[in-house]
Amino acid sequence: MPSTQQVVLITGASSGFGRLIAETLARKKFQVFATMRNVKGRNAAVASEIAELAKRESLSLQVVELDVTDDLSVESAVSKIRAAMRPDRRAGEQRGLRDHGPCGVRDHGASAEAV
């Protein structure tokens, strides 16, 4: 894979637009982390479908457990994603997470205080 491959984290990838965007970007050669809640529970079948799709089409598409309302879940998911990123991407990651879209990376506590 080219060293310029972009890494994307998609929330809500179990269905709808989240799943469509995750699959589309993976097919366009992005390294995609498709996140959702309950990957071993109610979303186990969906997580399995996505993993099978990734294998069948040789996509850089991985499912990661993430509940955006739970800070510990967010921290755990980010740690797993950092560990799974290709080594050439991890080197540049030292600069930190960057916001490249309408939904940025935010501290849940700060979001709650803003409401």
Protein backbone atom coordinates (compact mmCIF):
# COMPACT_ATOMS: atom_id res chain seq x y z
CA MET A 1 0.00 0.00 0.00
CA PRO A 2 1.23 3.52 -0.71
CA SER A 3 2.79 5.43 2.18
CA THR A 4 0.35 8.27 1.52
CA GLN A 5 -2.65 6.13 2.49
CA GLN A 6 -5.02 8.15 4.66
CA VAL A 7 -6.37 6.74 7.93
CA VAL A 8 -10.05 7.23 8.72
CA LEU A 9 -12.11 6.50 11.82
CA ILE A 10 -15.85 6.16 11.14
CA THR A 11 -18.31 6.16 14.03
CA GLY A 12 -21.68 4.46 13.70
CA ALA A 13 -20.40 2.07 11.04
CA SER A 14 -22.85 -0.71 11.91
CA SER A 15 -25.49 0.64 9.52
CA GLY A 16 -26.67 3.46 7.30
CA PHE A 17 -24.33 6.23 6.21
CA GLY A 18 -21.58 5.14 8.61
CA ARG A 19 -21.35 1.69 7.06
CA LEU A 20 -21.66 3.03 3.51
CA ILE A 21 -18.89 5.58 4.08
CA ALA A 22 -16.62 2.99 5.73
CA GLU A 23 -16.98 0.53 2.85
CA THR A 24 -16.68 3.22 0.18
CA LEU A 25 -13.51 4.75 1.63
CA ALA A 26 -11.93 1.32 2.14
CA ARG A 27 -12.58 0.56 -1.54
CA LYS A 28 -10.90 3.87 -2.39
CA LYS A 29 -7.74 2.60 -0.60
CA PHE A 30 -8.12 4.44 2.72
CA GLN A 31 -7.16 2.59 5.92
CA VAL A 32 -10.57 2.52 7.63
CA PHE A 33 -11.46 1.80 11.23
CA ALA A 34 -15.21 1.15 11.32
CA THR A 35 -16.39 1.71 14.86
CA MET A 36 -19.59 0.67 16.58
CA ARG A 37 -20.93 -0.36 19.96
CA ASN A 38 -21.53 -3.94 21.09
CA VAL A 39 -19.33 -5.73 18.53
CA LYS A 40 -19.61 -8.95 20.54
CA GLY A 41 -23.32 -8.47 21.28
CA ARG A 42 -26.07 -7.10 19.09
CA ASN A 43 -23.63 -5.95 16.38
CA ALA A 44 -21.66 -9.21 16.23
CA ALA A 45 -23.23 -10.25 12.92
CA VAL A 46 -22.55 -6.84 11.36
CA ALA A 47 -18.95 -6.84 12.61
CA SER A 48 -18.49 -10.29 11.10
CA GLU A 49 -20.00 -9.17 7.76
CA ILE A 50 -17.60 -6.22 7.60
CA ALA A 51 -14.61 -8.43 8.46
CA GLU A 52 -15.64 -10.92 5.76
CA LEU A 53 -16.04 -8.10 3.21
CA ALA A 54 -12.57 -6.80 4.08
CA LYS A 55 -11.06 -10.25 3.63
CA ARG A 56 -12.94 -11.02 0.41
CA GLU A 57 -12.04 -7.69 -1.24
CA SER A 58 -8.60 -7.29 0.41
CA LEU A 59 -9.66 -4.01 2.02
CA SER A 60 -7.89 -2.14 4.79
CA LEU A 61 -11.07 -2.15 6.88
CA GLN A 62 -11.17 -3.10 10.56
CA VAL A 63 -14.00 -3.09 13.08
CA VAL A 64 -13.27 -1.49 16.46
CA GLU A 65 -15.54 -1.30 19.52
CA LEU A 66 -16.35 2.33 20.36
CA ASP A 67 -19.08 4.02 22.39
CA VAL A 68 -18.65 7.76 21.78
CA THR A 69 -20.50 8.59 25.02
CA ASP A 70 -17.96 6.72 27.17
CA ASP A 71 -14.50 8.27 27.65
CA LEU A 72 -12.91 4.92 28.58
CA SER A 73 -14.32 3.33 25.43
CA VAL A 74 -12.95 6.21 23.33
CA GLU A 75 -9.50 5.92 24.94
CA SER A 76 -9.48 2.15 24.43
CA ALA A 77 -10.52 2.45 20.77
CA VAL A 78 -7.89 5.11 20.05
CA SER A 79 -5.21 2.91 21.65
CA LYS A 80 -6.28 -0.09 19.56
CA ILE A 81 -6.34 2.01 16.39
CA ARG A 82 -2.91 3.49 17.05
CA ALA A 83 -1.53 -0.02 17.60
CA ALA A 84 -3.14 -1.27 14.37
CA MET A 85 -1.99 1.62 12.18
CA ARG A 86 0.72 0.87 9.68
CA PRO A 87 4.18 1.75 11.08
CA ASP A 88 4.78 4.56 8.56
CA ARG A 89 1.49 6.20 9.66
CA ARG A 90 2.29 5.84 13.38
CA ALA A 91 5.52 7.81 12.94
CA GLY A 92 3.59 10.85 11.69
CA GLU A 93 0.90 10.33 14.32
CA GLN A 94 3.23 11.83 16.96
CA ARG A 95 1.81 15.20 15.92
CA GLY A 96 -1.54 14.15 17.36
CA LEU A 97 -5.04 13.64 16.03
CA ARG A 98 -6.24 16.16 13.49
CA ASP A 99 -9.75 17.21 12.52
CA HIS A 100 -10.28 16.79 8.78
CA GLY A 101 -14.04 16.90 8.66
CA PRO A 102 -17.27 18.13 10.14
CA CYS A 103 -16.91 16.00 13.28
CA GLY A 104 -13.69 16.66 15.16
CA VAL A 105 -12.02 14.83 17.98
CA ARG A 106 -13.42 16.22 21.21
CA ASP A 107 -13.11 15.64 24.90
CA HIS A 108 -16.44 14.18 26.06
CA GLY A 109 -16.25 16.10 29.35
CA ALA A 110 -15.73 19.39 27.53
CA SER A 111 -18.69 18.58 25.26
CA ALA A 112 -20.89 17.85 28.26
CA GLU A 113 -19.89 21.14 29.91
CA ALA A 114 -20.76 23.07 26.75
CA VAL A 115 -24.36 21.83 26.86
